[in-house]
Amino acid sequence: MRVTRIHVDCVLAIGLTVPLPEAASTHLVRVLRLQAGDACVLFNGDGCDYGARITSIDRRAVRVEVYSRQPLDNESPLRIMLLQALARGDKMDWILQKATELGVNAIMPVMSERSEVKLDAERSGKRALHWHSVIVSACEQSGRAAVPSLAMASPLEQALKLLPEGSQRLVLAPSAVRGLGDAAVSRNRVQVLAIGPEGGWSARDIMLLASAGFVEVRLGPRIMRTETAGIAAIATLQSRFGDLG
């Protein structure tokens, strides 16, 4: 029987009793029909899974006691940051979910010149909370105990100033001569992968990316949608230089 994994935003240690988040409590009791004494697994992003057992169930919360700690070794040796232009509707959720499953370490949503989605500070904050929940759910499902970091959505020009120093920077461009699989990728450096919006990068975007040290690469002979391109590129990098295959 598969044991349910739950993300909690608190310190975990053997012997501690902690209340579970409301949504997780409802899922365990009303959907899975778990009872006192049943087991679950907790993680808080520190790279470990914590075995826990339900000790009490009431209207306020389900409480569990931690009884074991297991460090996990399923993070990719390749550190990938996805710089993703905002996509419409549920596409962004899908991108974040699959990128997390494929092992990215960080995600930076950006507003480019041709992005159809524009967010002000208030909407950006609300979307960040929603996107974080999507990422956490993907970690719960995929068995990851390290939660990828998520930056606030910002204009491309501003985001480029926040990239990690010494990182290798690749941008998907259909007109590029070099293939993504031919790029000289190093596991010792963060790989920043830039994916454009539905309408593609504008000339100004390309200029900004080039000025920030991005190298253009292509991924096969076909033009992919934004929700396909990033996922395919991450899978290619992980297969060639990471831990897939």
C-alpha atoms as a PDB file:
ATOM      1  CA  MET A   1       0.000   0.000   0.000  1.00  0.00           C
ATOM      2  CA  ARG A   2       1.372   3.400  -0.972  1.00  0.00           C
ATOM      3  CA  VAL A   3       1.949   5.757   1.946  1.00  0.00           C
ATOM      4  CA  THR A   4       0.753   9.344   1.488  1.00  0.00           C
ATOM      5  CA  ARG A   5       3.460  12.051   1.438  1.00  0.00           C
ATOM      6  CA  ILE A   6       2.595  15.447   2.912  1.00  0.00           C
ATOM      7  CA  HIS A   7       4.521  18.707   2.844  1.00  0.00           C
ATOM      8  CA  VAL A   8       4.580  20.691   6.098  1.00  0.00           C
ATOM      9  CA  ASP A   9       6.098  24.091   6.694  1.00  0.00           C
ATOM     10  CA  CYS A  10       7.757  23.433  10.037  1.00  0.00           C
ATOM     11  CA  VAL A  11      10.794  21.858  11.655  1.00  0.00           C
ATOM     12  CA  LEU A  12      10.619  18.060  11.836  1.00  0.00           C
ATOM     13  CA  ALA A  13      12.442  15.717  14.200  1.00  0.00           C
ATOM     14  CA  ILE A  14      11.895  12.267  15.656  1.00  0.00           C
ATOM     15  CA  GLY A  15       9.559  12.453  18.642  1.00  0.00           C
ATOM     16  CA  LEU A  16       7.816  15.670  17.627  1.00  0.00           C
ATOM     17  CA  THR A  17       4.032  15.830  17.372  1.00  0.00           C
ATOM     18  CA  VAL A  18       2.827  18.257  14.705  1.00  0.00           C
ATOM     19  CA  PRO A  19      -0.570  19.319  13.307  1.00  0.00           C
ATOM     20  CA  LEU A  20      -1.077  18.739   9.597  1.00  0.00           C
ATOM     21  CA  PRO A  21      -2.272  21.496   7.231  1.00  0.00           C
ATOM     22  CA  GLU A  22      -6.053  21.736   6.882  1.00  0.00           C
ATOM     23  CA  ALA A  23      -6.151  20.490   3.293  1.00  0.00           C
ATOM     24  CA  ALA A  24      -3.940  17.499   4.116  1.00  0.00           C
ATOM     25  CA  SER A  25      -6.013  16.690   7.202  1.00  0.00           C
ATOM     26  CA  THR A  26      -9.216  16.723   5.171  1.00  0.00           C
ATOM     27  CA  HIS A  27      -7.693  14.504   2.478  1.00  0.00           C
ATOM     28  CA  LEU A  28      -6.405  11.936   4.971  1.00  0.00           C
ATOM     29  CA  VAL A  29      -9.640  11.673   6.942  1.00  0.00           C
ATOM     30  CA  ARG A  30     -12.439  12.259   4.431  1.00  0.00           C
ATOM     31  CA  VAL A  31     -10.881  10.872   1.247  1.00  0.00           C
ATOM     32  CA  LEU A  32      -8.414   8.214   2.390  1.00  0.00           C
ATOM     33  CA  ARG A  33     -10.392   7.350   5.555  1.00  0.00           C
ATOM     34  CA  LEU A  34      -7.250   7.077   7.680  1.00  0.00           C
ATOM     35  CA  GLN A  35      -7.577   6.677  11.425  1.00  0.00           C
ATOM     36  CA  ALA A  36      -5.443   7.077  14.532  1.00  0.00           C
ATOM     37  CA  GLY A  37      -2.454   4.738  14.279  1.00  0.00           C
ATOM     38  CA  ASP A  38      -2.215   4.897  10.479  1.00  0.00           C
ATOM     39  CA  ALA A  39       1.043   6.012   8.888  1.00  0.00           C
ATOM     40  CA  CYS A  40       2.011   8.824   6.517  1.00  0.00           C
ATOM     41  CA  VAL A  41       5.235  10.493   5.387  1.00  0.00           C
ATOM     42  CA  LEU A  42       6.110  14.140   5.985  1.00  0.00           C
ATOM     43  CA  PHE A  43       8.717  16.349   4.335  1.00  0.00           C
ATOM     44  CA  ASN A  44       9.597  20.010   4.772  1.00  0.00           C
ATOM     45  CA  GLY A  45      12.132  20.584   2.003  1.00  0.00           C
ATOM     46  CA  ASP A  46      15.284  19.696   3.954  1.00  0.00           C
ATOM     47  CA  GLY A  47      15.970  16.643   1.780  1.00  0.00           C
ATOM     48  CA  CYS A  48      14.540  14.025   4.144  1.00  0.00           C
ATOM     49  CA  ASP A  49      11.367  12.002   4.486  1.00  0.00           C
ATOM     50  CA  TYR A  50       9.924  11.657   7.983  1.00  0.00           C
ATOM     51  CA  GLY A  51       7.823   8.660   8.893  1.00  0.00           C
ATOM     52  CA  ALA A  52       4.837   9.690  11.031  1.00  0.00           C
ATOM     53  CA  ARG A  53       1.817   8.097  12.636  1.00  0.00           C
ATOM     54  CA  ILE A  54      -1.579   9.698  13.292  1.00  0.00           C
ATOM     55  CA  THR A  55      -2.058  10.252  17.016  1.00  0.00           C
ATOM     56  CA  SER A  56      -5.331  12.188  17.079  1.00  0.00           C
ATOM     57  CA  ILE A  57      -8.105  13.443  14.833  1.00  0.00           C
ATOM     58  CA  ASP A  58     -10.413  16.314  15.751  1.00  0.00           C
ATOM     59  CA  ARG A  59     -12.254  19.176  14.099  1.00  0.00           C
ATOM     60  CA  ARG A  60      -9.206  21.430  14.218  1.00  0.00           C
ATOM     61  CA  ALA A  61      -6.553  19.199  12.729  1.00  0.00           C
ATOM     62  CA  VAL A  62      -4.995  15.790  12.364  1.00  0.00           C
ATOM     63  CA  ARG A  63      -1.942  15.452  14.601  1.00  0.00           C
ATOM     64  CA  VAL A  64       0.891  13.074  13.866  1.00  0.00           C
ATOM     65  CA  GLU A  65       4.005  11.962  15.709  1.00  0.00           C
ATOM     66  CA  VAL A  66       7.291  11.673  13.835  1.00  0.00           C
ATOM     67  CA  TYR A  67       9.051   8.349  14.427  1.00  0.00           C
ATOM     68  CA  SER A  68      11.742   8.146  11.701  1.00  0.00           C
ATOM     69  CA  ARG A  69      13.972  10.259   9.485  1.00  0.00           C
ATOM     70  CA  GLN A  70      15.234   9.072   6.098  1.00  0.00           C
ATOM     71  CA  PRO A  71      17.587  11.216   3.968  1.00  0.00           C
ATOM     72  CA  LEU A  72      16.714  10.899   0.275  1.00  0.00           C
ATOM     73  CA  ASP A  73      19.181  10.705  -2.590  1.00  0.00           C
ATOM     74  CA  ASN A  74      16.960  11.350  -5.597  1.00  0.00           C
ATOM     75  CA  GLU A  75      18.001  14.887  -6.523  1.00  0.00           C
ATOM     76  CA  SER A  76      19.657  15.311  -9.901  1.00  0.00           C
ATOM     77  CA  PRO A  77      23.391  16.110  -9.990  1.00  0.00           C
ATOM     78  CA  LEU A  78      22.504  18.668 -12.671  1.00  0.00           C
ATOM     79  CA  ARG A  79      21.227  21.931 -11.223  1.00  0.00           C
ATOM     80  CA  ILE A  80      18.683  23.478 -13.575  1.00  0.00           C
ATOM     81  CA  MET A  81      16.962  26.848 -13.197  1.00  0.00           C
ATOM     82  CA  LEU A  82      13.981  27.276 -15.526  1.00  0.00           C
ATOM     83  CA  LEU A  83      13.472  30.875 -16.658  1.00  0.00           C
ATOM     84  CA  GLN A  84       9.959  30.584 -18.051  1.00  0.00           C
ATOM     85  CA  ALA A  85       7.987  33.316 -19.803  1.00  0.00           C
ATOM     86  CA  LEU A  86       4.457  33.434 -18.404  1.00  0.00           C
ATOM     87  CA  ALA A  87       1.930  31.224 -20.177  1.00  0.00           C
ATOM     88  CA  ARG A  88      -1.833  31.532 -20.281  1.00  0.00           C
ATOM     89  CA  GLY A  89      -4.371  29.627 -18.209  1.00  0.00           C
ATOM     90  CA  ASP A  90      -3.459  26.214 -16.881  1.00  0.00           C
ATOM     91  CA  LYS A  91      -0.371  25.980 -19.064  1.00  0.00           C
ATOM     92  CA  MET A  92       1.795  27.576 -16.390  1.00  0.00           C
ATOM     93  CA  ASP A  93       0.594  25.070 -13.772  1.00  0.00           C
ATOM     94  CA  TRP A  94       1.417  22.208 -16.137  1.00  0.00           C
ATOM     95  CA  ILE A  95       4.894  23.583 -16.820  1.00  0.00           C
ATOM     96  CA  LEU A  96       5.684  23.981 -13.118  1.00  0.00           C
ATOM     97  CA  GLN A  97       4.350  20.526 -12.277  1.00  0.00           C
ATOM     98  CA  LYS A  98       6.316  18.687 -14.963  1.00  0.00           C
ATOM     99  CA  ALA A  99       9.489  20.722 -14.451  1.00  0.00           C
ATOM    100  CA  THR A 100       9.390  19.776 -10.770  1.00  0.00           C
ATOM    101  CA  GLU A 101       8.883  16.103 -11.586  1.00  0.00           C
ATOM    102  CA  LEU A 102      11.872  16.274 -13.937  1.00  0.00           C
ATOM    103  CA  GLY A 103      14.102  17.628 -11.188  1.00  0.00           C
ATOM    104  CA  VAL A 104      14.632  21.368 -11.687  1.00  0.00           C
ATOM    105  CA  ASN A 105      16.098  23.218  -8.695  1.00  0.00           C
ATOM    106  CA  ALA A 106      14.632  26.659  -9.290  1.00  0.00           C
ATOM    107  CA  ILE A 107      11.933  28.358 -11.348  1.00  0.00           C
ATOM    108  CA  MET A 108      11.866  32.024 -12.347  1.00  0.00           C
ATOM    109  CA  PRO A 109       8.648  33.195 -14.096  1.00  0.00           C
ATOM    110  CA  VAL A 110       9.203  36.246 -16.300  1.00  0.00           C
ATOM    111  CA  MET A 111       7.132  38.732 -18.285  1.00  0.00           C
ATOM    112  CA  SER A 112       8.642  39.219 -21.735  1.00  0.00           C
ATOM    113  CA  GLU A 113       7.707  41.723 -24.410  1.00  0.00           C
ATOM    114  CA  ARG A 114       5.290  39.329 -26.130  1.00  0.00           C
ATOM    115  CA  SER A 115       3.888  37.716 -22.982  1.00  0.00           C
ATOM    116  CA  GLU A 116       0.094  37.749 -23.099  1.00  0.00           C
ATOM    117  CA  VAL A 117      -0.035  37.498 -19.306  1.00  0.00           C
ATOM    118  CA  LYS A 118       0.962  40.600 -17.325  1.00  0.00           C
ATOM    119  CA  LEU A 119       0.909  40.669 -13.534  1.00  0.00           C
ATOM    120  CA  ASP A 120       1.044  43.596 -11.142  1.00  0.00           C
ATOM    121  CA  ALA A 121       2.552  43.210  -7.659  1.00  0.00           C
ATOM    122  CA  GLU A 122      -0.715  42.072  -6.046  1.00  0.00           C
ATOM    123  CA  ARG A 123      -1.585  39.508  -8.712  1.00  0.00           C
ATOM    124  CA  SER A 124       2.026  38.315  -8.822  1.00  0.00           C
ATOM    125  CA  GLY A 125       1.893  37.562  -5.101  1.00  0.00           C
ATOM    126  CA  LYS A 126      -1.355  35.618  -5.431  1.00  0.00           C
ATOM    127  CA  ARG A 127      -0.052  33.624  -8.387  1.00  0.00           C
ATOM    128  CA  ALA A 128       3.161  32.847  -6.509  1.00  0.00           C
ATOM    129  CA  LEU A 129       1.157  31.280  -3.656  1.00  0.00           C
ATOM    130  CA  HIS A 130      -0.816  29.175  -6.138  1.00  0.00           C
ATOM    131  CA  TRP A 131       2.268  28.141  -8.095  1.00  0.00           C
ATOM    132  CA  HIS A 132       4.066  27.178  -4.893  1.00  0.00           C
ATOM    133  CA  SER A 133       1.193  24.836  -4.041  1.00  0.00           C
ATOM    134  CA  VAL A 134       1.480  23.275  -7.519  1.00  0.00           C
ATOM    135  CA  ILE A 135       5.207  22.701  -6.995  1.00  0.00           C
ATOM    136  CA  VAL A 136       4.685  21.221  -3.534  1.00  0.00           C
ATOM    137  CA  SER A 137       2.001  18.847  -4.846  1.00  0.00           C
ATOM    138  CA  ALA A 138       4.397  17.726  -7.595  1.00  0.00           C
ATOM    139  CA  CYS A 139       7.045  17.030  -4.950  1.00  0.00           C
ATOM    140  CA  GLU A 140       4.544  15.009  -2.918  1.00  0.00           C
ATOM    141  CA  GLN A 141       3.672  12.904  -5.953  1.00  0.00           C
ATOM    142  CA  SER A 142       7.166  12.460  -7.376  1.00  0.00           C
ATOM    143  CA  GLY A 143       8.932  11.597  -4.138  1.00  0.00           C
ATOM    144  CA  ARG A 144      11.129  14.682  -3.985  1.00  0.00           C
ATOM    145  CA  ALA A 145      12.002  15.971  -0.529  1.00  0.00           C
ATOM    146  CA  ALA A 146      13.700  19.140  -1.785  1.00  0.00           C
ATOM    147  CA  VAL A 147      11.242  21.775  -2.990  1.00  0.00           C
ATOM    148  CA  PRO A 148      12.420  23.863  -5.970  1.00  0.00           C
ATOM    149  CA  SER A 149      12.674  27.573  -5.224  1.00  0.00           C
ATOM    150  CA  LEU A 150      10.176  29.880  -6.923  1.00  0.00           C
ATOM    151  CA  ALA A 151      10.893  33.537  -7.683  1.00  0.00           C
ATOM    152  CA  MET A 152       8.217  36.192  -7.942  1.00  0.00           C
ATOM    153  CA  ALA A 153       7.174  36.884 -11.522  1.00  0.00           C
ATOM    154  CA  SER A 154       9.068  39.898 -12.821  1.00  0.00           C
ATOM    155  CA  PRO A 155       9.936  41.635 -16.119  1.00  0.00           C
ATOM    156  CA  LEU A 156      12.647  39.848 -18.085  1.00  0.00           C
ATOM    157  CA  GLU A 157      15.133  42.710 -17.784  1.00  0.00           C
ATOM    158  CA  GLN A 158      14.779  42.715 -13.997  1.00  0.00           C
ATOM    159  CA  ALA A 159      14.929  38.913 -13.689  1.00  0.00           C
ATOM    160  CA  LEU A 160      18.178  38.703 -15.641  1.00  0.00           C
ATOM    161  CA  LYS A 161      19.895  40.772 -12.946  1.00  0.00           C
ATOM    162  CA  LEU A 162      19.025  38.123 -10.339  1.00  0.00           C
ATOM    163  CA  LEU A 163      20.532  35.084 -12.048  1.00  0.00           C
ATOM    164  CA  PRO A 164      23.192  33.132 -10.127  1.00  0.00           C
ATOM    165  CA  GLU A 165      26.735  34.248 -10.823  1.00  0.00           C
ATOM    166  CA  GLY A 166      28.852  31.827 -12.844  1.00  0.00           C
ATOM    167  CA  SER A 167      25.802  30.037 -14.265  1.00  0.00           C
ATOM    168  CA  GLN A 168      25.695  28.629 -17.791  1.00  0.00           C
ATOM    169  CA  ARG A 169      22.845  30.201 -19.720  1.00  0.00           C
ATOM    170  CA  LEU A 170      20.932  28.631 -22.608  1.00  0.00           C
ATOM    171  CA  VAL A 171      17.943  30.017 -24.496  1.00  0.00           C
ATOM    172  CA  LEU A 172      15.847  27.935 -26.876  1.00  0.00           C
ATOM    173  CA  ALA A 173      15.686  29.553 -30.313  1.00  0.00           C
ATOM    174  CA  PRO A 174      14.409  27.736 -33.440  1.00  0.00           C
ATOM    175  CA  SER A 175      16.951  29.565 -35.631  1.00  0.00           C
ATOM    176  CA  ALA A 176      19.961  28.541 -33.530  1.00  0.00           C
ATOM    177  CA  VAL A 177      22.738  26.560 -35.194  1.00  0.00           C
ATOM    178  CA  ARG A 178      23.871  24.590 -32.143  1.00  0.00           C
ATOM    179  CA  GLY A 179      21.697  21.776 -30.793  1.00  0.00           C
ATOM    180  CA  LEU A 180      20.851  21.594 -27.102  1.00  0.00           C
ATOM    181  CA  GLY A 181      22.415  18.136 -26.858  1.00  0.00           C
ATOM    182  CA  ASP A 182      25.687  19.531 -28.191  1.00  0.00           C
ATOM    183  CA  ALA A 183      25.989  22.244 -25.554  1.00  0.00           C
ATOM    184  CA  ALA A 184      28.981  21.969 -23.210  1.00  0.00           C
ATOM    185  CA  VAL A 185      27.073  21.510 -19.963  1.00  0.00           C
ATOM    186  CA  SER A 186      28.890  21.293 -16.628  1.00  0.00           C
ATOM    187  CA  ARG A 187      27.457  19.716 -13.502  1.00  0.00           C
ATOM    188  CA  ASN A 188      29.552  22.131 -11.461  1.00  0.00           C
ATOM    189  CA  ARG A 189      27.538  25.137 -12.610  1.00  0.00           C
ATOM    190  CA  VAL A 190      23.868  26.075 -12.481  1.00  0.00           C
ATOM    191  CA  GLN A 191      22.204  25.685 -15.880  1.00  0.00           C
ATOM    192  CA  VAL A 192      19.735  28.485 -16.610  1.00  0.00           C
ATOM    193  CA  LEU A 193      17.303  27.457 -19.352  1.00  0.00           C
ATOM    194  CA  ALA A 194      15.219  30.286 -20.870  1.00  0.00           C
ATOM    195  CA  ILE A 195      11.911  29.468 -22.567  1.00  0.00           C
ATOM    196  CA  GLY A 196       9.912  32.108 -24.442  1.00  0.00           C
ATOM    197  CA  PRO A 197       6.168  32.884 -24.417  1.00  0.00           C
ATOM    198  CA  GLU A 198       3.482  31.724 -26.852  1.00  0.00           C
ATOM    199  CA  GLY A 199       4.504  34.418 -29.335  1.00  0.00           C
ATOM    200  CA  GLY A 200       8.216  33.701 -29.008  1.00  0.00           C
ATOM    201  CA  TRP A 201      11.026  35.996 -27.877  1.00  0.00           C
ATOM    202  CA  SER A 202      11.029  39.480 -29.398  1.00  0.00           C
ATOM    203  CA  ALA A 203      14.145  41.043 -30.895  1.00  0.00           C
ATOM    204  CA  ARG A 204      14.526  43.109 -27.729  1.00  0.00           C
ATOM    205  CA  ASP A 205      14.208  40.004 -25.550  1.00  0.00           C
ATOM    206  CA  ILE A 206      16.915  38.247 -27.561  1.00  0.00           C
ATOM    207  CA  MET A 207      19.161  41.293 -27.188  1.00  0.00           C
ATOM    208  CA  LEU A 208      18.649  41.327 -23.410  1.00  0.00           C
ATOM    209  CA  LEU A 209      19.319  37.596 -23.150  1.00  0.00           C
ATOM    210  CA  ALA A 210      22.457  37.840 -25.286  1.00  0.00           C
ATOM    211  CA  SER A 211      23.724  40.723 -23.161  1.00  0.00           C
ATOM    212  CA  ALA A 212      23.212  38.548 -20.080  1.00  0.00           C
ATOM    213  CA  GLY A 213      25.378  35.786 -21.563  1.00  0.00           C
ATOM    214  CA  PHE A 214      22.740  33.430 -22.954  1.00  0.00           C
ATOM    215  CA  VAL A 215      23.731  31.131 -25.806  1.00  0.00           C
ATOM    216  CA  GLU A 216      21.078  30.202 -28.369  1.00  0.00           C
ATOM    217  CA  VAL A 217      20.362  26.480 -28.847  1.00  0.00           C
ATOM    218  CA  ARG A 218      17.693  24.580 -30.771  1.00  0.00           C
ATOM    219  CA  LEU A 219      15.753  21.453 -29.895  1.00  0.00           C
ATOM    220  CA  GLY A 220      15.131  19.522 -33.096  1.00  0.00           C
ATOM    221  CA  PRO A 221      13.675  20.673 -36.422  1.00  0.00           C
ATOM    222  CA  ARG A 222      10.171  21.539 -35.191  1.00  0.00           C
ATOM    223  CA  ILE A 223       8.828  24.599 -33.361  1.00  0.00           C
ATOM    224  CA  MET A 224       7.317  23.621 -30.011  1.00  0.00           C
ATOM    225  CA  ARG A 225       4.725  25.358 -27.890  1.00  0.00           C
ATOM    226  CA  THR A 226       5.979  27.059 -24.739  1.00  0.00           C
ATOM    227  CA  GLU A 227       4.440  24.369 -22.525  1.00  0.00           C
ATOM    228  CA  THR A 228       6.238  21.668 -24.528  1.00  0.00           C
ATOM    229  CA  ALA A 229       9.601  23.295 -25.208  1.00  0.00           C
ATOM    230  CA  GLY A 230      10.790  23.706 -21.639  1.00  0.00           C
ATOM    231  CA  ILE A 231       9.764  20.215 -20.551  1.00  0.00           C
ATOM    232  CA  ALA A 232      11.396  18.623 -23.596  1.00  0.00           C
ATOM    233  CA  ALA A 233      14.560  20.652 -23.031  1.00  0.00           C
ATOM    234  CA  ILE A 234      14.776  19.735 -19.345  1.00  0.00           C
ATOM    235  CA  ALA A 235      14.293  16.058 -20.189  1.00  0.00           C
ATOM    236  CA  THR A 236      17.047  16.318 -22.808  1.00  0.00           C
ATOM    237  CA  LEU A 237      19.484  17.907 -20.357  1.00  0.00           C
ATOM    238  CA  GLN A 238      18.661  15.390 -17.631  1.00  0.00           C
ATOM    239  CA  SER A 239      19.018  12.473 -20.027  1.00  0.00           C
ATOM    240  CA  ARG A 240      22.368  13.636 -21.406  1.00  0.00           C
ATOM    241  CA  PHE A 241      23.963  15.248 -18.374  1.00  0.00           C
ATOM    242  CA  GLY A 242      21.746  14.445 -15.374  1.00  0.00           C
ATOM    243  CA  ASP A 243      20.166  11.295 -13.974  1.00  0.00           C
ATOM    244  CA  LEU A 244      17.485  10.218 -16.484  1.00  0.00           C
ATOM    245  CA  GLY A 245      18.010   7.053 -18.469  1.00  0.00           C
END
